[in-house]
Structures are given as C-alpha cells and as structure tokens.
Amino acid sequence: MTERGLSTPAVERIVRARSTRPPSRWPTGKAKKVPDTEARAQVVLRRLADALKGRTDARKPVKRRALLIFPNAEGRPVQRSPWARTWSGIVKRANAALEVAGRDERVPVGTTLHDLRHYYASLLIKHRESVKTVQKRLGHSKPSITLDTYTHLWMEDEDTTRAAVEAALGDVPPMCPGRQAG
C-alpha cells in the first residue's frame, strides 16, 4: 500500500524494490575491486593543471612534449586504428543484415561515422526540422554552426513563404478597390 492508498501488484513491486537494497552480486567476505574515482579525478585535474600551467603566448610558440589528458594504457596518444577495426566490423554486420533482408542497398565503401552524422542531419532537414532542433541534435554550440554547414539543404524560403501567403490570402480579391478622391 502506498501513501496515497494506491495498491496494485505493479505498485507493490515498485515500492518493495525501492525500499530494499538489491542483493549483492559479490560473495560475502570478498572485497570487490572498485576504481578509486576520486584518485582518477585527481590525476585528470593534475594533468589539466600541468597543461594549463605550461601554456605559452600563441604569438611565441614553444615546442615541447605534449601532455595528454586521456592517454592509452601505455601513456601514448589514443590511435585511430582500434576504432577503424570496430567500425569495419559494424559496416560488415550492417551489410550482412541488409543482404539477409533482401535489400540491394549496402553501406558504401569508405563511409565514416562522420558521414552518418551528415546523413542524420540531412534527414532532419528534409523532414522540415528547425535549425534549432538540428543544432541541438548534432550538439553544435550555436545555430550558426549548423547553418554554415547545412544551409544548402533547407528549402528555399521563397517556396515556403509564397505558399504561406497564398494559403492565408488566397481568397482575397487580386486588386483592392481604388480610392475615391474626396
């Protein structure tokens, strides 16, 4: 029974689930290894502070070893190749699924994740989403970034404005009566 007096089996399950701790997935007596998030945060903050401390005047650049904020396990820059292998597998599975479905389409050779991002944006625009909606979906900081990239995809304003005016004023006589001199 809830505070409001509502009681159904589903409500009872929800109340019971929220009021009891979930059973531990770890055997009792054994400590689980949990990453120390505070220590990791301190490492990232230290690296950021070191990177900012070493900033130089852009007009007088200084060559130095890069301080990586998110290095790989060996402390080196994250490389593209692991992602390329992952993406290649995704494309192969997508093409296999299209073939099983009897479709003639395939993911074109050389298609990148960025190409899919552009395709997504073009679909939103084709279905008349606003600049603001497309901007938010793509994560652009300003609508002007979206417009600079995708302006050519929006319909010509002339076409839509003409239709809007025609719809609103279509039944108005084409000529206004002349003014009488008075």
C-alpha atoms as a PDB file:
ATOM      1  CA  MET A   1       0.000   0.000   0.000  1.00  0.00           C
ATOM      2  CA  THR A   2       1.352   3.429  -0.872  1.00  0.00           C
ATOM      3  CA  GLU A   3       0.942   6.724   0.939  1.00  0.00           C
ATOM      4  CA  ARG A   4      -1.966   7.655  -1.336  1.00  0.00           C
ATOM      5  CA  GLY A   5      -3.718   4.347  -0.831  1.00  0.00           C
ATOM      6  CA  LEU A   6      -2.987   3.049  -4.342  1.00  0.00           C
ATOM      7  CA  SER A   7      -2.207  -0.620  -4.423  1.00  0.00           C
ATOM      8  CA  THR A   8      -1.743  -2.865  -7.407  1.00  0.00           C
ATOM      9  CA  PRO A   9       0.726  -5.701  -7.828  1.00  0.00           C
ATOM     10  CA  ALA A  10       2.903  -3.472 -10.015  1.00  0.00           C
ATOM     11  CA  VAL A  11       2.870  -0.642  -7.449  1.00  0.00           C
ATOM     12  CA  GLU A  12       3.704  -3.116  -4.660  1.00  0.00           C
ATOM     13  CA  ARG A  13       6.722  -4.409  -6.643  1.00  0.00           C
ATOM     14  CA  ILE A  14       7.968  -0.856  -7.230  1.00  0.00           C
ATOM     15  CA  VAL A  15       7.569   0.102  -3.563  1.00  0.00           C
ATOM     16  CA  ARG A  16       9.291  -3.101  -2.439  1.00  0.00           C
ATOM     17  CA  ALA A  17      12.143  -2.589  -4.934  1.00  0.00           C
ATOM     18  CA  ARG A  18      12.744   0.975  -3.793  1.00  0.00           C
ATOM     19  CA  SER A  19      12.619   0.183  -0.095  1.00  0.00           C
ATOM     20  CA  THR A  20      15.032  -2.778  -0.062  1.00  0.00           C
ATOM     21  CA  ARG A  21      18.659  -2.941  -1.100  1.00  0.00           C
ATOM     22  CA  PRO A  22      19.361  -5.068  -4.146  1.00  0.00           C
ATOM     23  CA  PRO A  23      21.166  -8.302  -3.347  1.00  0.00           C
ATOM     24  CA  SER A  24      24.926  -8.106  -3.697  1.00  0.00           C
ATOM     25  CA  ARG A  25      26.369  -9.772  -6.764  1.00  0.00           C
ATOM     26  CA  TRP A  26      29.592 -10.368  -4.873  1.00  0.00           C
ATOM     27  CA  PRO A  27      30.122 -13.208  -2.435  1.00  0.00           C
ATOM     28  CA  THR A  28      30.128 -12.049   1.171  1.00  0.00           C
ATOM     29  CA  GLY A  29      33.531 -11.628   2.711  1.00  0.00           C
ATOM     30  CA  LYS A  30      35.237 -10.863  -0.591  1.00  0.00           C
ATOM     31  CA  ALA A  31      36.137  -7.304  -1.395  1.00  0.00           C
ATOM     32  CA  LYS A  32      35.384  -6.176  -4.905  1.00  0.00           C
ATOM     33  CA  LYS A  33      37.861  -4.014  -6.751  1.00  0.00           C
ATOM     34  CA  VAL A  34      36.275  -0.653  -7.409  1.00  0.00           C
ATOM     35  CA  PRO A  35      38.234   2.044  -9.219  1.00  0.00           C
ATOM     36  CA  ASP A  36      39.011   4.930  -6.933  1.00  0.00           C
ATOM     37  CA  THR A  37      37.111   7.649  -8.793  1.00  0.00           C
ATOM     38  CA  GLU A  38      38.470  10.352  -6.513  1.00  0.00           C
ATOM     39  CA  ALA A  39      42.061   9.345  -7.299  1.00  0.00           C
ATOM     40  CA  ARG A  40      41.306   9.215 -11.026  1.00  0.00           C
ATOM     41  CA  ALA A  41      39.690  12.642 -10.889  1.00  0.00           C
ATOM     42  CA  GLN A  42      42.767  13.999  -9.104  1.00  0.00           C
ATOM     43  CA  VAL A  43      45.029  12.586 -11.844  1.00  0.00           C
ATOM     44  CA  VAL A  44      42.940  14.239 -14.573  1.00  0.00           C
ATOM     45  CA  LEU A  45      42.860  17.528 -12.670  1.00  0.00           C
ATOM     46  CA  ARG A  46      46.643  17.407 -12.155  1.00  0.00           C
ATOM     47  CA  ARG A  47      47.192  16.773 -15.869  1.00  0.00           C
ATOM     48  CA  LEU A  48      44.877  19.634 -16.765  1.00  0.00           C
ATOM     49  CA  ALA A  49      46.659  21.947 -14.342  1.00  0.00           C
ATOM     50  CA  ASP A  50      50.049  20.934 -15.794  1.00  0.00           C
ATOM     51  CA  ALA A  51      48.781  21.530 -19.323  1.00  0.00           C
ATOM     52  CA  LEU A  52      47.383  24.950 -18.438  1.00  0.00           C
ATOM     53  CA  LYS A  53      50.461  25.935 -16.448  1.00  0.00           C
ATOM     54  CA  GLY A  54      52.678  25.315 -19.457  1.00  0.00           C
ATOM     55  CA  ARG A  55      50.597  27.414 -21.858  1.00  0.00           C
ATOM     56  CA  THR A  56      52.538  29.874 -23.893  1.00  0.00           C
ATOM     57  CA  ASP A  57      51.760  33.010 -25.788  1.00  0.00           C
ATOM     58  CA  ALA A  58      50.325  31.998 -29.174  1.00  0.00           C
ATOM     59  CA  ARG A  59      52.494  34.645 -30.815  1.00  0.00           C
ATOM     60  CA  LYS A  60      55.644  32.991 -29.422  1.00  0.00           C
ATOM     61  CA  PRO A  61      55.123  29.224 -29.711  1.00  0.00           C
ATOM     62  CA  VAL A  62      57.417  26.875 -27.827  1.00  0.00           C
ATOM     63  CA  LYS A  63      57.980  23.248 -28.833  1.00  0.00           C
ATOM     64  CA  ARG A  64      57.588  20.771 -26.002  1.00  0.00           C
ATOM     65  CA  ARG A  65      56.332  17.267 -25.323  1.00  0.00           C
ATOM     66  CA  ALA A  66      52.521  17.080 -25.340  1.00  0.00           C
ATOM     67  CA  LEU A  67      50.811  16.451 -22.030  1.00  0.00           C
ATOM     68  CA  LEU A  68      47.987  14.036 -22.775  1.00  0.00           C
ATOM     69  CA  ILE A  69      44.879  14.221 -20.652  1.00  0.00           C
ATOM     70  CA  PHE A  70      43.472  10.882 -21.854  1.00  0.00           C
ATOM     71  CA  PRO A  71      46.365   8.651 -22.931  1.00  0.00           C
ATOM     72  CA  ASN A  72      46.077   4.944 -23.726  1.00  0.00           C
ATOM     73  CA  ALA A  73      47.329   2.255 -21.314  1.00  0.00           C
ATOM     74  CA  GLU A  74      50.946   2.883 -22.352  1.00  0.00           C
ATOM     75  CA  GLY A  75      50.675   6.639 -21.811  1.00  0.00           C
ATOM     76  CA  ARG A  76      50.665   7.334 -25.544  1.00  0.00           C
ATOM     77  CA  PRO A  77      48.030   9.079 -27.688  1.00  0.00           C
ATOM     78  CA  VAL A  78      44.881   7.098 -28.453  1.00  0.00           C
ATOM     79  CA  GLN A  79      45.196   5.865 -32.025  1.00  0.00           C
ATOM     80  CA  ARG A  80      42.546   5.662 -34.692  1.00  0.00           C
ATOM     81  CA  SER A  81      43.208   2.054 -35.645  1.00  0.00           C
ATOM     82  CA  PRO A  82      41.210   0.391 -32.830  1.00  0.00           C
ATOM     83  CA  TRP A  83      38.173   2.460 -33.814  1.00  0.00           C
ATOM     84  CA  ALA A  84      38.757   1.689 -37.500  1.00  0.00           C
ATOM     85  CA  ARG A  85      38.642  -2.046 -36.724  1.00  0.00           C
ATOM     86  CA  THR A  86      35.447  -1.608 -34.699  1.00  0.00           C
ATOM     87  CA  TRP A  87      33.812   0.487 -37.445  1.00  0.00           C
ATOM     88  CA  SER A  88      34.820  -2.037 -40.108  1.00  0.00           C
ATOM     89  CA  GLY A  89      33.033  -4.787 -38.154  1.00  0.00           C
ATOM     90  CA  ILE A  90      29.921  -2.628 -37.779  1.00  0.00           C
ATOM     91  CA  VAL A  91      29.834  -1.983 -41.547  1.00  0.00           C
ATOM     92  CA  LYS A  92      30.250  -5.705 -42.312  1.00  0.00           C
ATOM     93  CA  ARG A  93      27.395  -6.620 -39.955  1.00  0.00           C
ATOM     94  CA  ALA A  94      25.176  -3.890 -41.413  1.00  0.00           C
ATOM     95  CA  ASN A  95      25.816  -5.086 -44.973  1.00  0.00           C
ATOM     96  CA  ALA A  96      25.158  -8.706 -43.926  1.00  0.00           C
ATOM     97  CA  ALA A  97      21.854  -7.660 -42.321  1.00  0.00           C
ATOM     98  CA  LEU A  98      20.860  -5.770 -45.476  1.00  0.00           C
ATOM     99  CA  GLU A  99      21.667  -8.820 -47.579  1.00  0.00           C
ATOM    100  CA  VAL A 100      19.636 -11.138 -45.317  1.00  0.00           C
ATOM    101  CA  ALA A 101      16.725  -8.691 -45.541  1.00  0.00           C
ATOM    102  CA  GLY A 102      16.897  -8.918 -49.336  1.00  0.00           C
ATOM    103  CA  ARG A 103      17.787  -5.260 -49.785  1.00  0.00           C
ATOM    104  CA  ASP A 104      20.000  -4.083 -52.641  1.00  0.00           C
ATOM    105  CA  GLU A 105      21.499  -1.212 -50.632  1.00  0.00           C
ATOM    106  CA  ARG A 106      24.875  -1.507 -48.941  1.00  0.00           C
ATOM    107  CA  VAL A 107      26.919   0.787 -46.772  1.00  0.00           C
ATOM    108  CA  PRO A 108      29.247   2.388 -49.337  1.00  0.00           C
ATOM    109  CA  VAL A 109      32.926   1.590 -49.090  1.00  0.00           C
ATOM    110  CA  GLY A 110      34.741   4.343 -47.225  1.00  0.00           C
ATOM    111  CA  THR A 111      31.682   5.509 -45.270  1.00  0.00           C
ATOM    112  CA  THR A 112      32.681   7.021 -41.941  1.00  0.00           C
ATOM    113  CA  LEU A 113      30.793   7.728 -38.760  1.00  0.00           C
ATOM    114  CA  HIS A 114      31.008  11.410 -39.680  1.00  0.00           C
ATOM    115  CA  ASP A 115      29.227  10.610 -42.965  1.00  0.00           C
ATOM    116  CA  LEU A 116      26.394   9.082 -40.949  1.00  0.00           C
ATOM    117  CA  ARG A 117      26.239  12.247 -38.867  1.00  0.00           C
ATOM    118  CA  HIS A 118      25.772  14.314 -42.050  1.00  0.00           C
ATOM    119  CA  TYR A 119      23.159  11.848 -43.284  1.00  0.00           C
ATOM    120  CA  TYR A 120      21.271  12.167 -39.984  1.00  0.00           C
ATOM    121  CA  ALA A 121      21.352  15.966 -40.249  1.00  0.00           C
ATOM    122  CA  SER A 122      20.111  15.870 -43.839  1.00  0.00           C
ATOM    123  CA  LEU A 123      17.207  13.603 -42.853  1.00  0.00           C
ATOM    124  CA  LEU A 124      16.176  16.002 -40.093  1.00  0.00           C
ATOM    125  CA  ILE A 125      16.317  18.929 -42.513  1.00  0.00           C
ATOM    126  CA  LYS A 126      14.433  17.042 -45.235  1.00  0.00           C
ATOM    127  CA  HIS A 127      11.627  16.442 -42.773  1.00  0.00           C
ATOM    128  CA  ARG A 128      11.474  20.176 -42.030  1.00  0.00           C
ATOM    129  CA  GLU A 129      13.045  20.233 -38.577  1.00  0.00           C
ATOM    130  CA  SER A 130      14.029  23.711 -37.434  1.00  0.00           C
ATOM    131  CA  VAL A 131      17.599  24.966 -37.350  1.00  0.00           C
ATOM    132  CA  LYS A 132      17.442  24.952 -33.549  1.00  0.00           C
ATOM    133  CA  THR A 133      16.331  21.309 -33.434  1.00  0.00           C
ATOM    134  CA  VAL A 134      19.083  20.189 -35.809  1.00  0.00           C
ATOM    135  CA  GLN A 135      21.625  22.228 -33.842  1.00  0.00           C
ATOM    136  CA  LYS A 136      20.620  20.537 -30.582  1.00  0.00           C
ATOM    137  CA  ARG A 137      20.599  17.034 -32.087  1.00  0.00           C
ATOM    138  CA  LEU A 138      24.083  17.491 -33.550  1.00  0.00           C
ATOM    139  CA  GLY A 139      25.457  19.119 -30.423  1.00  0.00           C
ATOM    140  CA  HIS A 140      26.510  22.331 -32.137  1.00  0.00           C
ATOM    141  CA  SER A 141      27.153  25.160 -29.697  1.00  0.00           C
ATOM    142  CA  LYS A 142      25.384  27.728 -31.897  1.00  0.00           C
ATOM    143  CA  PRO A 143      22.761  27.574 -34.670  1.00  0.00           C
ATOM    144  CA  SER A 144      25.166  29.500 -36.900  1.00  0.00           C
ATOM    145  CA  ILE A 145      27.478  26.460 -36.990  1.00  0.00           C
ATOM    146  CA  THR A 146      24.583  24.320 -38.205  1.00  0.00           C
ATOM    147  CA  LEU A 147      23.583  26.928 -40.784  1.00  0.00           C
ATOM    148  CA  ASP A 148      27.143  27.348 -42.054  1.00  0.00           C
ATOM    149  CA  THR A 149      27.329  23.612 -42.726  1.00  0.00           C
ATOM    150  CA  TYR A 150      23.805  22.742 -43.874  1.00  0.00           C
ATOM    151  CA  THR A 151      22.216  25.897 -45.328  1.00  0.00           C
ATOM    152  CA  HIS A 152      22.129  24.391 -48.823  1.00  0.00           C
ATOM    153  CA  LEU A 153      19.814  21.616 -47.610  1.00  0.00           C
ATOM    154  CA  TRP A 154      16.994  23.790 -46.320  1.00  0.00           C
ATOM    155  CA  MET A 155      14.243  24.527 -48.826  1.00  0.00           C
ATOM    156  CA  GLU A 156      14.323  27.886 -50.458  1.00  0.00           C
ATOM    157  CA  ASP A 157      12.414  30.348 -48.303  1.00  0.00           C
ATOM    158  CA  GLU A 158      10.787  31.739 -51.407  1.00  0.00           C
ATOM    159  CA  ASP A 159       8.929  28.465 -51.993  1.00  0.00           C
ATOM    160  CA  THR A 160       7.619  28.178 -48.443  1.00  0.00           C
ATOM    161  CA  THR A 161       6.786  31.866 -47.981  1.00  0.00           C
ATOM    162  CA  ARG A 162       4.873  32.024 -51.246  1.00  0.00           C
ATOM    163  CA  ALA A 163       2.790  29.029 -50.188  1.00  0.00           C
ATOM    164  CA  ALA A 164       2.173  30.549 -46.740  1.00  0.00           C
ATOM    165  CA  VAL A 165       0.977  33.872 -48.157  1.00  0.00           C
ATOM    166  CA  GLU A 166      -1.181  32.118 -50.755  1.00  0.00           C
ATOM    167  CA  ALA A 167      -2.779  29.971 -48.055  1.00  0.00           C
ATOM    168  CA  ALA A 168      -3.535  32.980 -45.864  1.00  0.00           C
ATOM    169  CA  LEU A 169      -4.632  35.431 -48.561  1.00  0.00           C
ATOM    170  CA  GLY A 170      -5.730  33.160 -51.381  1.00  0.00           C
ATOM    171  CA  ASP A 171      -9.385  34.225 -51.210  1.00  0.00           C
ATOM    172  CA  VAL A 172      -8.635  37.971 -51.175  1.00  0.00           C
ATOM    173  CA  PRO A 173      -9.536  39.629 -54.483  1.00  0.00           C
ATOM    174  CA  PRO A 174      -6.431  40.300 -56.592  1.00  0.00           C
ATOM    175  CA  MET A 175      -6.969  44.079 -56.738  1.00  0.00           C
ATOM    176  CA  CYS A 176      -8.077  46.397 -53.978  1.00  0.00           C
ATOM    177  CA  PRO A 177     -10.830  48.865 -54.911  1.00  0.00           C
ATOM    178  CA  GLY A 178      -9.470  52.289 -55.947  1.00  0.00           C
ATOM    179  CA  ARG A 179      -9.569  55.173 -53.501  1.00  0.00           C
ATOM    180  CA  GLN A 180     -12.170  57.777 -54.068  1.00  0.00           C
ATOM    181  CA  ALA A 181     -10.977  61.346 -54.190  1.00  0.00           C
ATOM    182  CA  GLY A 182     -12.659  63.254 -51.516  1.00  0.00           C
END
